[in-house]
Amino acid sequence: MPDADATVPAARAVERLRLAEARLARRRQTECGPSETARAAMRYILERSDAGRDATPTEIAEHLGLSTASVTGILQRLRGGGLITFARNPDDGRSKRVVPVDRSTDLDDVDPLTAKIRGFAEALTAREAEHVARFLEAVTEAVDRECT
């Protein structure tokens, strides 16, 4: 069992990360383009496109853990920004597919912060990455369980 005093820096680092993410979310709402949720939706749309499959609004909502009504608003803003368009779903006339307008868009351009984080992760050894991943998964589960 690790020494409790030795684990304090990790707990403090997570708290600083949570505060930084909250500040970033507020800035993104007012100052710098799409929200984090809209960026996550766009990443998913581009990943699906790269895999040769279009996404549906329902799939995007499920992926993000949001209601379809919330996702509809996000998709309308992405369409208004010229990032996506809608196409009729040939398999189901009642639904539509979400298609990126410019597939030459690089995921790193949509979310440069994620690209930076991947770069930081590449500097870790496999063992370090495994430890960090386990720790962050536990933190994520605790955050997800909060206020539910």
N, C-alpha and C. Protein backbone atom coordinates (compact mmCIF):
# COMPACT_ATOMS: atom_id res chain seq x y z
N MET A 1 0.84 -1.18 0.00
CA MET A 1 0.00 0.00 0.00
C MET A 1 0.89 1.24 0.00
N PRO A 2 0.66 2.19 -0.94
CA PRO A 2 1.51 3.38 -1.00
C PRO A 2 1.33 4.27 0.22
N ASP A 3 2.36 5.01 0.52
CA ASP A 3 2.34 5.99 1.60
C ASP A 3 1.34 7.09 1.26
N ALA A 4 0.43 7.40 2.17
CA ALA A 4 -0.62 8.40 1.92
C ALA A 4 -0.03 9.75 1.54
N ASP A 5 1.07 10.15 2.18
CA ASP A 5 1.71 11.43 1.85
C ASP A 5 2.25 11.44 0.43
N ALA A 6 2.66 10.30 -0.06
CA ALA A 6 3.22 10.20 -1.41
C ALA A 6 2.14 10.33 -2.47
N THR A 7 0.88 10.05 -2.13
CA THR A 7 -0.20 10.11 -3.13
C THR A 7 -0.86 11.48 -3.21
N VAL A 8 -0.57 12.36 -2.27
CA VAL A 8 -1.19 13.70 -2.26
C VAL A 8 -0.92 14.46 -3.57
N PRO A 9 0.29 14.45 -4.12
CA PRO A 9 0.51 15.20 -5.36
C PRO A 9 -0.41 14.74 -6.51
N ALA A 10 -0.68 13.44 -6.60
CA ALA A 10 -1.58 12.95 -7.67
C ALA A 10 -2.99 13.49 -7.46
N ALA A 11 -3.48 13.44 -6.24
CA ALA A 11 -4.83 13.95 -5.96
C ALA A 11 -4.91 15.45 -6.25
N ARG A 12 -3.88 16.18 -5.86
CA ARG A 12 -3.86 17.63 -6.14
C ARG A 12 -3.79 17.91 -7.63
N ALA A 13 -3.03 17.11 -8.35
CA ALA A 13 -2.93 17.29 -9.81
C ALA A 13 -4.28 17.06 -10.48
N VAL A 14 -5.02 16.06 -10.02
CA VAL A 14 -6.35 15.82 -10.59
C VAL A 14 -7.27 17.00 -10.29
N GLU A 15 -7.21 17.52 -9.09
CA GLU A 15 -8.05 18.68 -8.75
C GLU A 15 -7.70 19.88 -9.63
N ARG A 16 -6.41 20.11 -9.84
CA ARG A 16 -6.01 21.22 -10.74
C ARG A 16 -6.50 20.96 -12.16
N LEU A 17 -6.45 19.70 -12.61
CA LEU A 17 -6.96 19.36 -13.93
C LEU A 17 -8.45 19.64 -14.03
N ARG A 18 -9.21 19.25 -13.02
CA ARG A 18 -10.66 19.48 -13.04
C ARG A 18 -10.96 20.97 -13.08
N LEU A 19 -10.23 21.76 -12.34
CA LEU A 19 -10.44 23.21 -12.36
C LEU A 19 -10.07 23.80 -13.72
N ALA A 20 -8.97 23.34 -14.29
CA ALA A 20 -8.55 23.82 -15.61
C ALA A 20 -9.59 23.45 -16.67
N GLU A 21 -10.14 22.23 -16.59
CA GLU A 21 -11.18 21.83 -17.54
C GLU A 21 -12.43 22.68 -17.39
N ALA A 22 -12.80 23.01 -16.17
CA ALA A 22 -13.97 23.87 -15.95
C ALA A 22 -13.73 25.26 -16.54
N ARG A 23 -12.51 25.79 -16.34
CA ARG A 23 -12.20 27.11 -16.93
C ARG A 23 -12.22 27.04 -18.45
N LEU A 24 -11.67 25.96 -19.00
CA LEU A 24 -11.67 25.78 -20.46
C LEU A 24 -13.10 25.70 -20.99
N ALA A 25 -13.96 24.95 -20.31
CA ALA A 25 -15.35 24.83 -20.76
C ALA A 25 -16.03 26.19 -20.77
N ARG A 26 -15.78 27.02 -19.74
CA ARG A 26 -16.38 28.36 -19.71
C ARG A 26 -15.84 29.23 -20.85
N ARG A 27 -14.52 29.15 -21.09
CA ARG A 27 -13.94 29.93 -22.19
C ARG A 27 -14.51 29.49 -23.53
N ARG A 28 -14.63 28.18 -23.71
CA ARG A 28 -15.14 27.68 -24.99
C ARG A 28 -16.59 28.07 -25.21
N GLN A 29 -17.37 28.22 -24.15
CA GLN A 29 -18.75 28.64 -24.30
C GLN A 29 -18.85 30.06 -24.81
N THR A 30 -17.87 30.89 -24.49
CA THR A 30 -17.98 32.30 -24.82
C THR A 30 -16.94 32.81 -25.80
N GLU A 31 -15.78 32.17 -25.87
CA GLU A 31 -14.68 32.79 -26.60
C GLU A 31 -14.12 32.04 -27.79
N CYS A 32 -14.12 30.72 -27.77
CA CYS A 32 -13.32 30.07 -28.80
C CYS A 32 -14.02 28.90 -29.48
N GLY A 33 -15.07 29.19 -30.18
CA GLY A 33 -15.66 28.20 -31.05
C GLY A 33 -16.55 27.19 -30.37
N PRO A 34 -16.65 26.01 -30.99
CA PRO A 34 -17.58 25.00 -30.51
C PRO A 34 -17.27 24.54 -29.09
N SER A 35 -18.33 24.14 -28.39
CA SER A 35 -18.18 23.61 -27.03
C SER A 35 -17.44 22.29 -27.07
N GLU A 36 -17.04 21.83 -25.90
CA GLU A 36 -16.36 20.53 -25.82
C GLU A 36 -17.26 19.42 -26.34
N THR A 37 -18.56 19.52 -26.05
CA THR A 37 -19.50 18.49 -26.52
C THR A 37 -19.60 18.52 -28.03
N ALA A 38 -19.64 19.71 -28.61
CA ALA A 38 -19.69 19.81 -30.08
C ALA A 38 -18.40 19.27 -30.69
N ARG A 39 -17.29 19.53 -30.05
CA ARG A 39 -16.01 19.00 -30.55
C ARG A 39 -16.01 17.47 -30.47
N ALA A 40 -16.55 16.92 -29.38
CA ALA A 40 -16.61 15.46 -29.24
C ALA A 40 -17.53 14.87 -30.31
N ALA A 41 -18.63 15.54 -30.60
CA ALA A 41 -19.53 15.08 -31.65
C ALA A 41 -18.81 15.10 -33.00
N MET A 42 -18.08 16.17 -33.27
CA MET A 42 -17.38 16.29 -34.55
C MET A 42 -16.29 15.23 -34.66
N ARG A 43 -15.58 14.96 -33.57
CA ARG A 43 -14.56 13.89 -33.60
C ARG A 43 -15.22 12.56 -33.95
N TYR A 44 -16.36 12.28 -33.34
CA TYR A 44 -17.06 11.02 -33.60
C TYR A 44 -17.51 10.94 -35.06
N ILE A 45 -18.06 12.03 -35.57
CA ILE A 45 -18.50 12.07 -36.98
C ILE A 45 -17.32 11.81 -37.91
N LEU A 46 -16.19 12.44 -37.65
CA LEU A 46 -15.01 12.26 -38.50
C LEU A 46 -14.45 10.85 -38.38
N GLU A 47 -14.42 10.29 -37.16
CA GLU A 47 -13.93 8.92 -36.98
C GLU A 47 -14.81 7.93 -37.73
N ARG A 48 -16.12 8.12 -37.66
CA ARG A 48 -17.04 7.25 -38.40
C ARG A 48 -16.82 7.38 -39.91
N SER A 49 -16.63 8.61 -40.35
CA SER A 49 -16.39 8.85 -41.78
C SER A 49 -15.10 8.16 -42.22
N ASP A 50 -14.07 8.25 -41.40
CA ASP A 50 -12.80 7.59 -41.70
C ASP A 50 -12.97 6.08 -41.81
N ALA A 51 -13.93 5.53 -41.04
CA ALA A 51 -14.20 4.10 -41.06
C ALA A 51 -15.15 3.72 -42.20
N GLY A 52 -15.54 4.72 -43.00
CA GLY A 52 -16.42 4.45 -44.14
C GLY A 52 -17.89 4.36 -43.77
N ARG A 53 -18.25 4.89 -42.61
CA ARG A 53 -19.65 4.84 -42.18
C ARG A 53 -20.08 6.22 -41.71
N ASP A 54 -21.26 6.62 -42.11
CA ASP A 54 -21.83 7.87 -41.62
C ASP A 54 -22.48 7.62 -40.27
N ALA A 55 -22.56 8.66 -39.47
CA ALA A 55 -23.20 8.55 -38.16
C ALA A 55 -24.63 9.06 -38.28
N THR A 56 -25.49 8.57 -37.40
CA THR A 56 -26.84 9.10 -37.30
C THR A 56 -26.91 9.96 -36.03
N PRO A 57 -27.85 10.88 -35.96
CA PRO A 57 -27.99 11.66 -34.72
C PRO A 57 -28.19 10.78 -33.49
N THR A 58 -28.93 9.69 -33.63
CA THR A 58 -29.15 8.79 -32.49
C THR A 58 -27.84 8.15 -32.04
N GLU A 59 -27.01 7.72 -32.98
CA GLU A 59 -25.71 7.13 -32.62
C GLU A 59 -24.82 8.16 -31.93
N ILE A 60 -24.86 9.38 -32.41
CA ILE A 60 -24.06 10.44 -31.79
C ILE A 60 -24.54 10.69 -30.37
N ALA A 61 -25.85 10.74 -30.18
CA ALA A 61 -26.42 10.95 -28.84
C ALA A 61 -26.00 9.82 -27.90
N GLU A 62 -26.07 8.59 -28.37
CA GLU A 62 -25.66 7.44 -27.54
C GLU A 62 -24.18 7.51 -27.21
N HIS A 63 -23.36 7.87 -28.20
CA HIS A 63 -21.92 7.96 -27.97
C HIS A 63 -21.59 9.03 -26.93
N LEU A 64 -22.29 10.15 -26.98
CA LEU A 64 -22.01 11.26 -26.07
C LEU A 64 -22.75 11.13 -24.73
N GLY A 65 -23.72 10.21 -24.67
CA GLY A 65 -24.51 10.07 -23.45
C GLY A 65 -25.48 11.23 -23.26
N LEU A 66 -26.01 11.75 -24.36
CA LEU A 66 -26.92 12.88 -24.32
C LEU A 66 -28.27 12.50 -24.93
N SER A 67 -29.25 13.34 -24.71
CA SER A 67 -30.54 13.13 -25.35
C SER A 67 -30.44 13.50 -26.82
N THR A 68 -31.33 12.94 -27.63
CA THR A 68 -31.32 13.28 -29.05
C THR A 68 -31.68 14.75 -29.25
N ALA A 69 -32.51 15.30 -28.36
CA ALA A 69 -32.86 16.73 -28.47
C ALA A 69 -31.61 17.61 -28.29
N SER A 70 -30.78 17.27 -27.33
CA SER A 70 -29.54 18.03 -27.12
C SER A 70 -28.62 17.93 -28.32
N VAL A 71 -28.51 16.72 -28.86
CA VAL A 71 -27.64 16.51 -30.01
C VAL A 71 -28.16 17.24 -31.24
N THR A 72 -29.47 17.32 -31.38
CA THR A 72 -30.05 18.05 -32.52
C THR A 72 -29.56 19.49 -32.52
N GLY A 73 -29.57 20.13 -31.37
CA GLY A 73 -29.08 21.51 -31.28
C GLY A 73 -27.60 21.62 -31.63
N ILE A 74 -26.81 20.68 -31.14
CA ILE A 74 -25.38 20.67 -31.44
C ILE A 74 -25.16 20.50 -32.94
N LEU A 75 -25.88 19.56 -33.55
CA LEU A 75 -25.71 19.31 -34.98
C LEU A 75 -26.16 20.51 -35.81
N GLN A 76 -27.19 21.19 -35.38
CA GLN A 76 -27.63 22.39 -36.10
C GLN A 76 -26.54 23.46 -36.07
N ARG A 77 -25.87 23.61 -34.92
CA ARG A 77 -24.78 24.60 -34.83
C ARG A 77 -23.59 24.18 -35.70
N LEU A 78 -23.27 22.87 -35.72
CA LEU A 78 -22.18 22.40 -36.57
C LEU A 78 -22.53 22.61 -38.05
N ARG A 79 -23.79 22.38 -38.41
CA ARG A 79 -24.21 22.61 -39.79
C ARG A 79 -24.16 24.10 -40.12
N GLY A 80 -24.60 24.92 -39.19
CA GLY A 80 -24.53 26.38 -39.39
C GLY A 80 -23.10 26.87 -39.56
N GLY A 81 -22.16 26.18 -38.92
CA GLY A 81 -20.75 26.54 -39.04
C GLY A 81 -20.09 25.94 -40.28
N GLY A 82 -20.87 25.22 -41.08
CA GLY A 82 -20.35 24.66 -42.32
C GLY A 82 -19.50 23.41 -42.14
N LEU A 83 -19.61 22.76 -40.99
CA LEU A 83 -18.78 21.58 -40.73
C LEU A 83 -19.43 20.27 -41.14
N ILE A 84 -20.76 20.22 -41.10
CA ILE A 84 -21.48 19.00 -41.45
C ILE A 84 -22.66 19.33 -42.34
N THR A 85 -23.19 18.29 -42.92
CA THR A 85 -24.47 18.37 -43.64
C THR A 85 -25.23 17.10 -43.33
N PHE A 86 -26.49 17.08 -43.71
CA PHE A 86 -27.32 15.90 -43.49
C PHE A 86 -27.64 15.26 -44.83
N ALA A 87 -27.67 13.95 -44.85
CA ALA A 87 -28.05 13.19 -46.04
C ALA A 87 -29.14 12.21 -45.65
N ARG A 88 -29.99 11.93 -46.56
CA ARG A 88 -31.06 10.97 -46.31
C ARG A 88 -30.45 9.58 -46.11
N ASN A 89 -30.97 8.86 -45.17
CA ASN A 89 -30.50 7.51 -44.89
C ASN A 89 -31.18 6.57 -45.87
N PRO A 90 -30.43 5.95 -46.80
CA PRO A 90 -31.05 5.08 -47.79
C PRO A 90 -31.65 3.80 -47.17
N ASP A 91 -31.19 3.44 -45.98
CA ASP A 91 -31.69 2.24 -45.32
C ASP A 91 -32.98 2.51 -44.53
N ASP A 92 -33.20 3.76 -44.16
CA ASP A 92 -34.37 4.12 -43.35
C ASP A 92 -34.76 5.54 -43.68
N GLY A 93 -35.80 5.71 -44.46
CA GLY A 93 -36.23 7.03 -44.90
C GLY A 93 -36.64 7.97 -43.79
N ARG A 94 -36.87 7.42 -42.59
CA ARG A 94 -37.27 8.29 -41.48
C ARG A 94 -36.07 8.92 -40.78
N SER A 95 -34.88 8.42 -41.04
CA SER A 95 -33.71 8.95 -40.34
C SER A 95 -32.76 9.59 -41.34
N LYS A 96 -31.79 10.32 -40.78
CA LYS A 96 -30.81 10.98 -41.63
C LYS A 96 -29.41 10.60 -41.16
N ARG A 97 -28.48 10.81 -42.04
CA ARG A 97 -27.08 10.58 -41.73
C ARG A 97 -26.39 11.92 -41.61
N VAL A 98 -25.38 11.94 -40.77
CA VAL A 98 -24.59 13.16 -40.56
C VAL A 98 -23.29 12.97 -41.32
N VAL A 99 -22.99 13.91 -42.21
CA VAL A 99 -21.84 13.78 -43.10
C VAL A 99 -20.94 15.01 -42.94
N PRO A 100 -19.64 14.81 -42.73
CA PRO A 100 -18.74 15.97 -42.68
C PRO A 100 -18.67 16.63 -44.05
N VAL A 101 -18.65 17.95 -44.07
CA VAL A 101 -18.60 18.68 -45.33
C VAL A 101 -17.23 18.52 -45.99
N ASP A 102 -16.18 18.68 -45.19
CA ASP A 102 -14.82 18.61 -45.72
C ASP A 102 -14.07 17.49 -45.01
N ARG A 103 -13.99 16.31 -45.62
CA ARG A 103 -13.33 15.20 -44.95
C ARG A 103 -11.82 15.31 -44.95
N SER A 104 -11.30 16.32 -45.60
CA SER A 104 -9.86 16.52 -45.50
C SER A 104 -9.49 17.15 -44.15
N THR A 105 -10.52 17.51 -43.36
CA THR A 105 -10.27 18.07 -42.04
C THR A 105 -9.57 17.03 -41.18
N ASP A 106 -8.49 17.45 -40.55
CA ASP A 106 -7.74 16.58 -39.66
C ASP A 106 -8.36 16.65 -38.27
N LEU A 107 -8.51 15.50 -37.62
CA LEU A 107 -9.05 15.48 -36.27
C LEU A 107 -8.26 16.40 -35.34
N ASP A 108 -6.96 16.49 -35.55
CA ASP A 108 -6.14 17.36 -34.71
C ASP A 108 -6.48 18.83 -34.90
N ASP A 109 -7.00 19.19 -36.08
CA ASP A 109 -7.42 20.57 -36.30
C ASP A 109 -8.73 20.86 -35.58
N VAL A 110 -9.60 19.86 -35.48
CA VAL A 110 -10.87 20.03 -34.79
C VAL A 110 -10.63 20.22 -33.30
N ASP A 111 -9.68 19.49 -32.76
CA ASP A 111 -9.41 19.55 -31.33
C ASP A 111 -7.91 19.46 -31.08
N PRO A 112 -7.19 20.58 -31.22
CA PRO A 112 -5.74 20.56 -31.04
C PRO A 112 -5.30 20.13 -29.64
N LEU A 113 -6.14 20.35 -28.65
CA LEU A 113 -5.78 19.94 -27.29
C LEU A 113 -5.63 18.44 -27.20
N THR A 114 -6.52 17.70 -27.85
CA THR A 114 -6.42 16.24 -27.84
C THR A 114 -5.11 15.80 -28.49
N ALA A 115 -4.71 16.47 -29.55
CA ALA A 115 -3.44 16.14 -30.21
C ALA A 115 -2.27 16.37 -29.25
N LYS A 116 -2.31 17.45 -28.49
CA LYS A 116 -1.24 17.72 -27.53
C LYS A 116 -1.20 16.64 -26.45
N ILE A 117 -2.37 16.24 -25.97
CA ILE A 117 -2.43 15.22 -24.93
C ILE A 117 -1.89 13.89 -25.46
N ARG A 118 -2.22 13.55 -26.71
CA ARG A 118 -1.65 12.33 -27.30
C ARG A 118 -0.13 12.41 -27.34
N GLY A 119 0.39 13.59 -27.65
CA GLY A 119 1.84 13.77 -27.67
C GLY A 119 2.46 13.56 -26.30
N PHE A 120 1.80 14.07 -25.25
CA PHE A 120 2.30 13.84 -23.89
C PHE A 120 2.30 12.35 -23.58
N ALA A 121 1.23 11.66 -23.98
CA ALA A 121 1.11 10.23 -23.69
C ALA A 121 2.18 9.42 -24.41
N GLU A 122 2.57 9.85 -25.59
CA GLU A 122 3.60 9.13 -26.33
C GLU A 122 4.95 9.15 -25.63
N ALA A 123 5.14 10.10 -24.72
CA ALA A 123 6.40 10.18 -23.98
C ALA A 123 6.44 9.19 -22.81
N LEU A 124 5.32 8.55 -22.49
CA LEU A 124 5.27 7.60 -21.38
C LEU A 124 5.75 6.22 -21.82
N THR A 125 6.32 5.50 -20.89
CA THR A 125 6.62 4.09 -21.17
C THR A 125 5.29 3.33 -21.14
N ALA A 126 5.28 2.12 -21.63
CA ALA A 126 4.07 1.31 -21.61
C ALA A 126 3.57 1.11 -20.18
N ARG A 127 4.49 0.86 -19.28
CA ARG A 127 4.11 0.65 -17.87
C ARG A 127 3.54 1.92 -17.25
N GLU A 128 4.18 3.05 -17.52
CA GLU A 128 3.66 4.33 -17.01
C GLU A 128 2.28 4.61 -17.58
N ALA A 129 2.12 4.38 -18.86
CA ALA A 129 0.82 4.62 -19.51
C ALA A 129 -0.27 3.75 -18.89
N GLU A 130 0.07 2.51 -18.59
CA GLU A 130 -0.89 1.60 -17.96
C GLU A 130 -1.31 2.12 -16.59
N HIS A 131 -0.36 2.57 -15.79
CA HIS A 131 -0.67 3.10 -14.45
C HIS A 131 -1.51 4.36 -14.55
N VAL A 132 -1.13 5.26 -15.42
CA VAL A 132 -1.88 6.51 -15.58
C VAL A 132 -3.30 6.22 -16.06
N ALA A 133 -3.42 5.33 -17.02
CA ALA A 133 -4.74 4.99 -17.55
C ALA A 133 -5.64 4.41 -16.47
N ARG A 134 -5.11 3.49 -15.67
CA ARG A 134 -5.92 2.91 -14.59
C ARG A 134 -6.35 3.98 -13.59
N PHE A 135 -5.44 4.84 -13.23
CA PHE A 135 -5.75 5.92 -12.29
C PHE A 135 -6.83 6.83 -12.86
N LEU A 136 -6.66 7.26 -14.10
CA LEU A 136 -7.63 8.18 -14.70
C LEU A 136 -8.99 7.51 -14.92
N GLU A 137 -9.00 6.22 -15.23
CA GLU A 137 -10.28 5.50 -15.35
C GLU A 137 -11.02 5.50 -14.02
N ALA A 138 -10.30 5.29 -12.93
CA ALA A 138 -10.92 5.30 -11.61
C ALA A 138 -11.47 6.69 -11.29
N VAL A 139 -10.71 7.73 -11.63
CA VAL A 139 -11.19 9.10 -11.42
C VAL A 139 -12.42 9.37 -12.28
N THR A 140 -12.39 8.93 -13.53
CA THR A 140 -13.53 9.13 -14.42
C THR A 140 -14.78 8.45 -13.89
N GLU A 141 -14.63 7.23 -13.40
CA GLU A 141 -15.79 6.51 -12.84
C GLU A 141 -16.33 7.24 -11.63
N ALA A 142 -15.46 7.77 -10.79
CA ALA A 142 -15.92 8.52 -9.61
C ALA A 142 -16.67 9.79 -10.02
N VAL A 143 -16.15 10.49 -11.02
CA VAL A 143 -16.80 11.70 -11.51
C VAL A 143 -18.17 11.36 -12.11
N ASP A 144 -18.23 10.28 -12.90
CA ASP A 144 -19.49 9.88 -13.52
C ASP A 144 -20.54 9.48 -12.49
N ARG A 145 -20.11 8.91 -11.37
CA ARG A 145 -21.06 8.48 -10.34
C ARG A 145 -21.53 9.64 -9.45
N GLU A 146 -20.82 10.74 -9.49
CA GLU A 146 -21.16 11.88 -8.63
C GLU A 146 -22.50 12.48 -9.03
N CYS A 147 -23.34 12.71 -8.06
CA CYS A 147 -24.66 13.35 -8.26
C CYS A 147 -25.57 12.56 -9.18
N THR A 148 -25.52 11.25 -9.12
CA THR A 148 -26.43 10.45 -9.93
C THR A 148 -27.47 9.79 -9.07
